[in-house]
Amino acid sequence: MIAGQRVEGLSHITLLTRDLARMSAIVEGALGGREIYSSGEATFSLSREKFFEVGGLWIAVMEGESLPTRTYNHIAFKIPASAIDEYRARIEALGLAIRESRPRVEGEGHSLYFYDDDNHLFELHTGTLEERLERYRQGRSREDTR
C-alpha cells in the first residue's frame, strides 16, 4: 500500500447484460435510475454501454454475457421503509424474480431481493449500517430466539 493513500469512495458499478434495452428498463423502472449516457452504436469500452445515476451512484451497464447462475452476491440499495410496497409493485410489474429475504433478527431493517434477467441479485434495504451494528451489539442472534 502506498503510504497515506486511501480509496476515496465507490466510483461505479458495471453490470454485463445480454439485452441493453431490457436492463435499461430494469434500472429505470425497478431502481428509479436516470439514464445519463448511451454509447448508441459506438464502442468506447468493451461493448455498447449506458450509464445511469441511481441514488447518487454511477451504474454502468454494458452488453455482454449473462452470469451463468444465480448466487447471493448482490448490490444493495437503501430505500425508506415506507416505500417497500411501492418497490415490490415496480419489480412485479417488470416480471422480475423476487427472492425471499433471508431470516432476520428484529431491528436490522427489511429487505426486498430480486434477480434481473442476467442473474444479478439486487437488494432494496431499509436499514443502515449503524442500525445493524447497534442491533448486533445487543446480542441474541436468530438462534438465541428460537
N, C-alpha and C. Protein backbone atom coordinates (compact mmCIF):
# COMPACT_ATOMS: atom_id res chain seq x y z
N MET A 1 0.84 -1.18 0.00
CA MET A 1 0.00 0.00 0.00
C MET A 1 0.88 1.24 0.00
N ILE A 2 0.48 2.23 -0.75
CA ILE A 2 1.20 3.50 -0.79
C ILE A 2 0.87 4.25 0.48
N ALA A 3 1.89 4.71 1.20
CA ALA A 3 1.69 5.40 2.46
C ALA A 3 0.78 6.61 2.27
N GLY A 4 -0.25 6.67 3.11
CA GLY A 4 -1.15 7.81 3.09
C GLY A 4 -2.24 7.78 2.03
N GLN A 5 -2.17 6.86 1.10
CA GLN A 5 -3.19 6.79 0.05
C GLN A 5 -4.34 5.90 0.48
N ARG A 6 -5.55 6.36 0.24
CA ARG A 6 -6.75 5.59 0.61
C ARG A 6 -7.75 5.62 -0.54
N VAL A 7 -8.58 4.64 -0.58
CA VAL A 7 -9.70 4.65 -1.52
C VAL A 7 -10.60 5.82 -1.13
N GLU A 8 -11.02 6.59 -2.11
CA GLU A 8 -11.83 7.77 -1.84
C GLU A 8 -13.32 7.47 -1.76
N GLY A 9 -13.74 6.37 -2.31
CA GLY A 9 -15.15 6.03 -2.32
C GLY A 9 -15.45 5.13 -3.50
N LEU A 10 -16.70 4.83 -3.69
CA LEU A 10 -17.14 3.99 -4.81
C LEU A 10 -17.19 4.84 -6.07
N SER A 11 -16.50 4.40 -7.12
CA SER A 11 -16.51 5.12 -8.39
C SER A 11 -17.76 4.75 -9.18
N HIS A 12 -17.90 3.45 -9.50
CA HIS A 12 -19.06 3.00 -10.26
C HIS A 12 -19.20 1.48 -10.14
N ILE A 13 -20.33 0.99 -10.57
CA ILE A 13 -20.61 -0.44 -10.64
C ILE A 13 -20.93 -0.75 -12.10
N THR A 14 -20.30 -1.77 -12.66
CA THR A 14 -20.58 -2.18 -14.03
C THR A 14 -21.22 -3.55 -14.02
N LEU A 15 -22.31 -3.68 -14.75
CA LEU A 15 -23.02 -4.95 -14.89
C LEU A 15 -23.12 -5.29 -16.36
N LEU A 16 -22.83 -6.55 -16.69
CA LEU A 16 -22.97 -7.01 -18.07
C LEU A 16 -24.38 -7.55 -18.28
N THR A 17 -24.90 -7.30 -19.47
CA THR A 17 -26.25 -7.73 -19.81
C THR A 17 -26.31 -8.17 -21.26
N ARG A 18 -27.10 -9.18 -21.53
CA ARG A 18 -27.26 -9.62 -22.92
C ARG A 18 -28.27 -8.73 -23.66
N ASP A 19 -29.10 -7.96 -22.93
CA ASP A 19 -30.13 -7.12 -23.54
C ASP A 19 -30.08 -5.73 -22.90
N LEU A 20 -29.40 -4.82 -23.56
CA LEU A 20 -29.19 -3.47 -23.03
C LEU A 20 -30.51 -2.72 -22.82
N ALA A 21 -31.45 -2.88 -23.72
CA ALA A 21 -32.74 -2.19 -23.59
C ALA A 21 -33.52 -2.73 -22.38
N ARG A 22 -33.53 -4.04 -22.20
CA ARG A 22 -34.24 -4.63 -21.06
C ARG A 22 -33.60 -4.20 -19.74
N MET A 23 -32.26 -4.22 -19.68
CA MET A 23 -31.58 -3.82 -18.46
C MET A 23 -31.84 -2.35 -18.17
N SER A 24 -31.93 -1.53 -19.20
CA SER A 24 -32.26 -0.12 -19.00
C SER A 24 -33.63 0.03 -18.37
N ALA A 25 -34.59 -0.76 -18.83
CA ALA A 25 -35.94 -0.72 -18.26
C ALA A 25 -35.93 -1.14 -16.80
N ILE A 26 -35.09 -2.11 -16.45
CA ILE A 26 -35.00 -2.58 -15.07
C ILE A 26 -34.36 -1.52 -14.18
N VAL A 27 -33.26 -0.94 -14.62
CA VAL A 27 -32.58 0.08 -13.82
C VAL A 27 -33.50 1.29 -13.62
N GLU A 28 -34.18 1.70 -14.66
CA GLU A 28 -35.07 2.85 -14.56
C GLU A 28 -36.35 2.51 -13.80
N GLY A 29 -36.95 1.36 -14.11
CA GLY A 29 -38.23 1.01 -13.52
C GLY A 29 -38.16 0.49 -12.10
N ALA A 30 -37.24 -0.44 -11.85
CA ALA A 30 -37.17 -1.05 -10.52
C ALA A 30 -36.36 -0.21 -9.54
N LEU A 31 -35.31 0.46 -10.03
CA LEU A 31 -34.43 1.20 -9.14
C LEU A 31 -34.61 2.71 -9.21
N GLY A 32 -35.45 3.17 -10.13
CA GLY A 32 -35.64 4.61 -10.27
C GLY A 32 -34.44 5.33 -10.84
N GLY A 33 -33.61 4.61 -11.59
CA GLY A 33 -32.41 5.20 -12.17
C GLY A 33 -32.73 6.17 -13.29
N ARG A 34 -31.77 7.05 -13.54
CA ARG A 34 -31.91 8.04 -14.60
C ARG A 34 -30.75 7.85 -15.58
N GLU A 35 -31.07 7.58 -16.86
CA GLU A 35 -30.02 7.41 -17.86
C GLU A 35 -29.31 8.74 -18.08
N ILE A 36 -27.97 8.70 -18.03
CA ILE A 36 -27.19 9.91 -18.25
C ILE A 36 -26.27 9.80 -19.46
N TYR A 37 -26.17 8.61 -20.04
CA TYR A 37 -25.32 8.43 -21.21
C TYR A 37 -25.67 7.14 -21.91
N SER A 38 -25.63 7.17 -23.24
CA SER A 38 -25.76 5.97 -24.06
C SER A 38 -24.74 6.05 -25.17
N SER A 39 -23.97 4.99 -25.38
CA SER A 39 -22.97 4.99 -26.44
C SER A 39 -23.60 4.81 -27.81
N GLY A 40 -24.90 4.47 -27.85
CA GLY A 40 -25.53 4.19 -29.13
C GLY A 40 -24.85 3.00 -29.78
N GLU A 41 -24.52 3.13 -31.03
CA GLU A 41 -23.84 2.03 -31.73
C GLU A 41 -22.33 2.09 -31.57
N ALA A 42 -21.83 3.16 -30.96
CA ALA A 42 -20.38 3.32 -30.78
C ALA A 42 -19.88 2.40 -29.66
N THR A 43 -18.61 2.07 -29.74
CA THR A 43 -17.98 1.25 -28.70
C THR A 43 -16.71 1.96 -28.24
N PHE A 44 -16.75 2.46 -27.01
CA PHE A 44 -15.59 3.13 -26.44
C PHE A 44 -14.87 2.22 -25.45
N SER A 45 -15.58 1.25 -24.92
CA SER A 45 -15.00 0.31 -23.96
C SER A 45 -15.00 -1.06 -24.60
N LEU A 46 -15.57 -2.06 -23.93
CA LEU A 46 -15.61 -3.41 -24.48
C LEU A 46 -16.79 -3.64 -25.42
N SER A 47 -17.88 -2.90 -25.18
CA SER A 47 -19.09 -3.07 -25.99
C SER A 47 -19.98 -1.86 -25.80
N ARG A 48 -21.14 -1.87 -26.44
CA ARG A 48 -22.09 -0.76 -26.25
C ARG A 48 -22.46 -0.68 -24.77
N GLU A 49 -22.71 0.54 -24.29
CA GLU A 49 -22.96 0.71 -22.87
C GLU A 49 -23.88 1.90 -22.61
N LYS A 50 -24.44 1.90 -21.41
CA LYS A 50 -25.24 3.02 -20.91
C LYS A 50 -24.81 3.29 -19.48
N PHE A 51 -24.90 4.56 -19.09
CA PHE A 51 -24.61 4.96 -17.72
C PHE A 51 -25.89 5.49 -17.09
N PHE A 52 -26.08 5.15 -15.82
CA PHE A 52 -27.24 5.60 -15.06
C PHE A 52 -26.78 6.20 -13.74
N GLU A 53 -27.61 7.05 -13.20
CA GLU A 53 -27.44 7.55 -11.85
C GLU A 53 -28.55 6.92 -11.03
N VAL A 54 -28.16 6.23 -9.97
CA VAL A 54 -29.11 5.58 -9.06
C VAL A 54 -28.70 5.96 -7.64
N GLY A 55 -29.51 6.77 -6.99
CA GLY A 55 -29.21 7.16 -5.62
C GLY A 55 -27.84 7.80 -5.45
N GLY A 56 -27.41 8.56 -6.44
CA GLY A 56 -26.11 9.21 -6.37
C GLY A 56 -24.95 8.33 -6.83
N LEU A 57 -25.23 7.09 -7.25
CA LEU A 57 -24.18 6.18 -7.72
C LEU A 57 -24.19 6.08 -9.24
N TRP A 58 -23.02 5.91 -9.82
CA TRP A 58 -22.87 5.69 -11.25
C TRP A 58 -22.96 4.19 -11.49
N ILE A 59 -23.98 3.80 -12.22
CA ILE A 59 -24.17 2.40 -12.62
C ILE A 59 -23.97 2.32 -14.12
N ALA A 60 -23.02 1.50 -14.55
CA ALA A 60 -22.77 1.28 -15.97
C ALA A 60 -23.34 -0.09 -16.34
N VAL A 61 -24.05 -0.15 -17.46
CA VAL A 61 -24.50 -1.44 -17.98
C VAL A 61 -23.91 -1.57 -19.38
N MET A 62 -23.40 -2.75 -19.65
CA MET A 62 -22.65 -2.99 -20.86
C MET A 62 -23.08 -4.32 -21.46
N GLU A 63 -23.19 -4.37 -22.78
CA GLU A 63 -23.56 -5.62 -23.42
C GLU A 63 -22.49 -6.67 -23.19
N GLY A 64 -22.93 -7.87 -22.85
CA GLY A 64 -22.02 -8.98 -22.62
C GLY A 64 -22.79 -10.21 -22.18
N GLU A 65 -22.07 -11.24 -21.83
CA GLU A 65 -22.68 -12.49 -21.42
C GLU A 65 -23.28 -12.39 -20.02
N SER A 66 -24.43 -13.03 -19.84
CA SER A 66 -25.07 -13.09 -18.52
C SER A 66 -24.26 -13.96 -17.57
N LEU A 67 -24.48 -13.75 -16.28
CA LEU A 67 -23.89 -14.64 -15.29
C LEU A 67 -24.50 -16.03 -15.48
N PRO A 68 -23.70 -17.09 -15.34
CA PRO A 68 -24.23 -18.44 -15.60
C PRO A 68 -25.22 -18.93 -14.55
N THR A 69 -25.11 -18.46 -13.32
CA THR A 69 -26.01 -18.93 -12.26
C THR A 69 -26.35 -17.78 -11.32
N ARG A 70 -27.38 -18.02 -10.54
CA ARG A 70 -27.77 -17.07 -9.50
C ARG A 70 -27.03 -17.40 -8.22
N THR A 71 -26.54 -16.36 -7.54
CA THR A 71 -25.89 -16.53 -6.25
C THR A 71 -26.44 -15.48 -5.29
N TYR A 72 -25.91 -15.47 -4.08
CA TYR A 72 -26.30 -14.46 -3.10
C TYR A 72 -25.41 -13.21 -3.19
N ASN A 73 -24.39 -13.19 -4.03
CA ASN A 73 -23.62 -11.97 -4.27
C ASN A 73 -24.61 -10.92 -4.76
N HIS A 74 -24.59 -9.74 -4.16
CA HIS A 74 -25.61 -8.76 -4.55
C HIS A 74 -25.16 -7.33 -4.31
N ILE A 75 -25.93 -6.43 -4.89
CA ILE A 75 -25.78 -5.00 -4.69
C ILE A 75 -27.01 -4.54 -3.93
N ALA A 76 -26.79 -3.83 -2.83
CA ALA A 76 -27.92 -3.37 -2.00
C ALA A 76 -28.05 -1.86 -2.10
N PHE A 77 -29.28 -1.42 -2.30
CA PHE A 77 -29.61 0.00 -2.33
C PHE A 77 -30.48 0.32 -1.14
N LYS A 78 -30.30 1.49 -0.55
CA LYS A 78 -31.07 1.94 0.60
C LYS A 78 -32.37 2.57 0.12
N ILE A 79 -33.49 2.15 0.73
CA ILE A 79 -34.79 2.76 0.47
C ILE A 79 -35.47 3.04 1.80
N PRO A 80 -36.43 3.97 1.82
CA PRO A 80 -37.19 4.19 3.06
C PRO A 80 -38.14 3.02 3.31
N ALA A 81 -38.35 2.70 4.57
CA ALA A 81 -39.24 1.58 4.93
C ALA A 81 -40.64 1.79 4.35
N SER A 82 -41.08 3.02 4.28
CA SER A 82 -42.43 3.31 3.79
C SER A 82 -42.59 3.02 2.30
N ALA A 83 -41.50 2.80 1.57
CA ALA A 83 -41.57 2.61 0.12
C ALA A 83 -41.45 1.15 -0.30
N ILE A 84 -41.31 0.22 0.63
CA ILE A 84 -41.03 -1.17 0.24
C ILE A 84 -42.15 -1.76 -0.60
N ASP A 85 -43.40 -1.45 -0.30
CA ASP A 85 -44.51 -1.99 -1.10
C ASP A 85 -44.52 -1.39 -2.51
N GLU A 86 -44.18 -0.12 -2.62
CA GLU A 86 -44.11 0.52 -3.93
C GLU A 86 -43.03 -0.13 -4.79
N TYR A 87 -41.88 -0.41 -4.21
CA TYR A 87 -40.81 -1.06 -4.96
C TYR A 87 -41.18 -2.49 -5.33
N ARG A 88 -41.85 -3.20 -4.44
CA ARG A 88 -42.30 -4.55 -4.77
C ARG A 88 -43.21 -4.51 -6.00
N ALA A 89 -44.12 -3.55 -6.05
CA ALA A 89 -45.03 -3.42 -7.18
C ALA A 89 -44.27 -3.12 -8.47
N ARG A 90 -43.26 -2.28 -8.41
CA ARG A 90 -42.43 -1.97 -9.59
C ARG A 90 -41.74 -3.23 -10.11
N ILE A 91 -41.17 -3.99 -9.18
CA ILE A 91 -40.44 -5.21 -9.56
C ILE A 91 -41.39 -6.24 -10.16
N GLU A 92 -42.53 -6.41 -9.54
CA GLU A 92 -43.53 -7.35 -10.06
C GLU A 92 -44.02 -6.91 -11.44
N ALA A 93 -44.22 -5.60 -11.65
CA ALA A 93 -44.67 -5.09 -12.95
C ALA A 93 -43.67 -5.39 -14.06
N LEU A 94 -42.41 -5.48 -13.71
CA LEU A 94 -41.37 -5.81 -14.68
C LEU A 94 -41.21 -7.32 -14.88
N GLY A 95 -41.95 -8.11 -14.11
CA GLY A 95 -41.88 -9.56 -14.24
C GLY A 95 -40.58 -10.16 -13.74
N LEU A 96 -39.94 -9.51 -12.78
CA LEU A 96 -38.66 -9.99 -12.27
C LEU A 96 -38.86 -10.99 -11.14
N ALA A 97 -37.92 -11.88 -10.99
CA ALA A 97 -37.99 -12.93 -9.96
C ALA A 97 -37.61 -12.34 -8.59
N ILE A 98 -38.54 -12.42 -7.66
CA ILE A 98 -38.29 -11.95 -6.30
C ILE A 98 -37.74 -13.13 -5.49
N ARG A 99 -36.66 -12.90 -4.78
CA ARG A 99 -36.06 -13.91 -3.92
C ARG A 99 -36.50 -13.63 -2.49
N GLU A 100 -36.91 -14.65 -1.80
CA GLU A 100 -37.33 -14.46 -0.41
C GLU A 100 -36.17 -13.92 0.41
N SER A 101 -36.48 -13.02 1.30
CA SER A 101 -35.47 -12.43 2.17
C SER A 101 -34.92 -13.49 3.12
N ARG A 102 -33.66 -13.32 3.48
CA ARG A 102 -33.07 -14.23 4.45
C ARG A 102 -33.72 -13.96 5.81
N PRO A 103 -33.70 -14.92 6.70
CA PRO A 103 -34.23 -14.68 8.05
C PRO A 103 -33.47 -13.54 8.72
N ARG A 104 -34.18 -12.72 9.45
CA ARG A 104 -33.57 -11.55 10.08
C ARG A 104 -33.92 -11.48 11.54
N VAL A 105 -33.06 -10.81 12.30
CA VAL A 105 -33.38 -10.50 13.68
C VAL A 105 -34.07 -9.14 13.69
N GLU A 106 -34.94 -8.95 14.64
CA GLU A 106 -35.66 -7.68 14.76
C GLU A 106 -34.67 -6.54 14.90
N GLY A 107 -34.89 -5.47 14.16
CA GLY A 107 -34.07 -4.28 14.30
C GLY A 107 -32.97 -4.10 13.28
N GLU A 108 -32.82 -5.03 12.33
CA GLU A 108 -31.76 -4.85 11.33
C GLU A 108 -32.31 -4.39 9.99
N GLY A 109 -33.56 -3.98 9.94
CA GLY A 109 -34.16 -3.50 8.70
C GLY A 109 -34.81 -4.62 7.91
N HIS A 110 -35.47 -4.23 6.84
CA HIS A 110 -36.15 -5.18 5.96
C HIS A 110 -35.54 -5.10 4.57
N SER A 111 -35.65 -6.20 3.85
CA SER A 111 -35.05 -6.27 2.51
C SER A 111 -36.02 -6.86 1.51
N LEU A 112 -35.86 -6.39 0.28
CA LEU A 112 -36.57 -6.94 -0.86
C LEU A 112 -35.49 -7.29 -1.87
N TYR A 113 -35.38 -8.58 -2.20
CA TYR A 113 -34.37 -9.06 -3.13
C TYR A 113 -35.03 -9.42 -4.46
N PHE A 114 -34.33 -9.12 -5.57
CA PHE A 114 -34.83 -9.56 -6.87
C PHE A 114 -33.67 -9.78 -7.83
N TYR A 115 -33.89 -10.71 -8.77
CA TYR A 115 -32.91 -11.01 -9.82
C TYR A 115 -33.34 -10.32 -11.11
N ASP A 116 -32.35 -9.83 -11.87
CA ASP A 116 -32.65 -9.35 -13.21
C ASP A 116 -32.54 -10.54 -14.17
N ASP A 117 -32.67 -10.27 -15.44
CA ASP A 117 -32.65 -11.34 -16.45
C ASP A 117 -31.26 -11.94 -16.67
N ASP A 118 -30.24 -11.31 -16.11
CA ASP A 118 -28.86 -11.77 -16.28
C ASP A 118 -28.29 -12.39 -15.01
N ASN A 119 -29.15 -12.72 -14.06
CA ASN A 119 -28.80 -13.37 -12.79
C ASN A 119 -28.09 -12.48 -11.78
N HIS A 120 -28.14 -11.14 -11.97
CA HIS A 120 -27.64 -10.23 -10.94
C HIS A 120 -28.70 -10.15 -9.84
N LEU A 121 -28.24 -10.18 -8.61
CA LEU A 121 -29.16 -10.05 -7.47
C LEU A 121 -29.05 -8.63 -6.91
N PHE A 122 -30.21 -8.01 -6.74
CA PHE A 122 -30.31 -6.67 -6.16
C PHE A 122 -31.08 -6.78 -4.85
N GLU A 123 -30.70 -5.94 -3.90
CA GLU A 123 -31.41 -5.86 -2.64
C GLU A 123 -31.84 -4.41 -2.43
N LEU A 124 -33.07 -4.23 -2.02
CA LEU A 124 -33.55 -2.92 -1.58
C LEU A 124 -33.71 -3.04 -0.08
N HIS A 125 -32.94 -2.27 0.68
CA HIS A 125 -32.85 -2.45 2.13
C HIS A 125 -33.26 -1.18 2.87
N THR A 126 -33.99 -1.37 3.96
CA THR A 126 -34.50 -0.23 4.71
C THR A 126 -33.61 0.20 5.86
N GLY A 127 -32.62 -0.58 6.22
CA GLY A 127 -31.79 -0.27 7.38
C GLY A 127 -30.48 0.41 7.01
N THR A 128 -29.72 0.73 8.05
CA THR A 128 -28.41 1.35 7.87
C THR A 128 -27.36 0.49 8.57
N LEU A 129 -26.11 0.74 8.26
CA LEU A 129 -25.00 0.05 8.92
C LEU A 129 -25.05 0.31 10.42
N GLU A 130 -25.27 1.55 10.80
CA GLU A 130 -25.31 1.90 12.22
C GLU A 130 -26.41 1.14 12.96
N GLU A 131 -27.58 1.04 12.36
CA GLU A 131 -28.68 0.30 12.99
C GLU A 131 -28.34 -1.18 13.13
N ARG A 132 -27.73 -1.75 12.12
CA ARG A 132 -27.38 -3.16 12.20
C ARG A 132 -26.32 -3.41 13.26
N LEU A 133 -25.29 -2.59 13.29
CA LEU A 133 -24.25 -2.77 14.30
C LEU A 133 -24.82 -2.61 15.71
N GLU A 134 -25.71 -1.66 15.92
CA GLU A 134 -26.33 -1.48 17.23
C GLU A 134 -27.13 -2.72 17.61
N ARG A 135 -27.86 -3.27 16.66
CA ARG A 135 -28.66 -4.47 16.92
C ARG A 135 -27.75 -5.65 17.27
N TYR A 136 -26.66 -5.81 16.55
CA TYR A 136 -25.75 -6.92 16.80
C TYR A 136 -25.04 -6.75 18.15
N ARG A 137 -24.76 -5.52 18.55
CA ARG A 137 -24.15 -5.29 19.87
C ARG A 137 -25.08 -5.74 20.99
N GLN A 138 -26.37 -5.74 20.75
CA GLN A 138 -27.35 -6.16 21.76
C GLN A 138 -27.33 -7.67 21.97
N GLY A 139 -26.72 -8.40 21.04
CA GLY A 139 -26.66 -9.86 21.15
C GLY A 139 -27.97 -10.50 20.72
N ARG A 140 -28.18 -11.73 21.16
CA ARG A 140 -29.39 -12.50 20.84
C ARG A 140 -29.56 -12.67 19.33
N SER A 141 -28.83 -13.62 18.78
CA SER A 141 -28.93 -13.93 17.36
C SER A 141 -30.25 -14.65 17.10
N ARG A 142 -30.49 -14.95 15.84
CA ARG A 142 -31.71 -15.70 15.48
C ARG A 142 -31.76 -17.02 16.21
N GLU A 143 -30.61 -17.69 16.34
CA GLU A 143 -30.57 -18.98 17.02
C GLU A 143 -30.93 -18.84 18.50
N ASP A 144 -30.56 -17.70 19.10
CA ASP A 144 -30.85 -17.47 20.52
C ASP A 144 -32.34 -17.26 20.80
N THR A 145 -33.08 -16.85 19.78
CA THR A 145 -34.50 -16.52 19.98
C THR A 145 -35.41 -17.68 19.62
N ARG A 146 -34.85 -18.82 19.26
CA ARG A 146 -35.68 -19.98 18.90
C ARG A 146 -36.10 -20.74 20.13
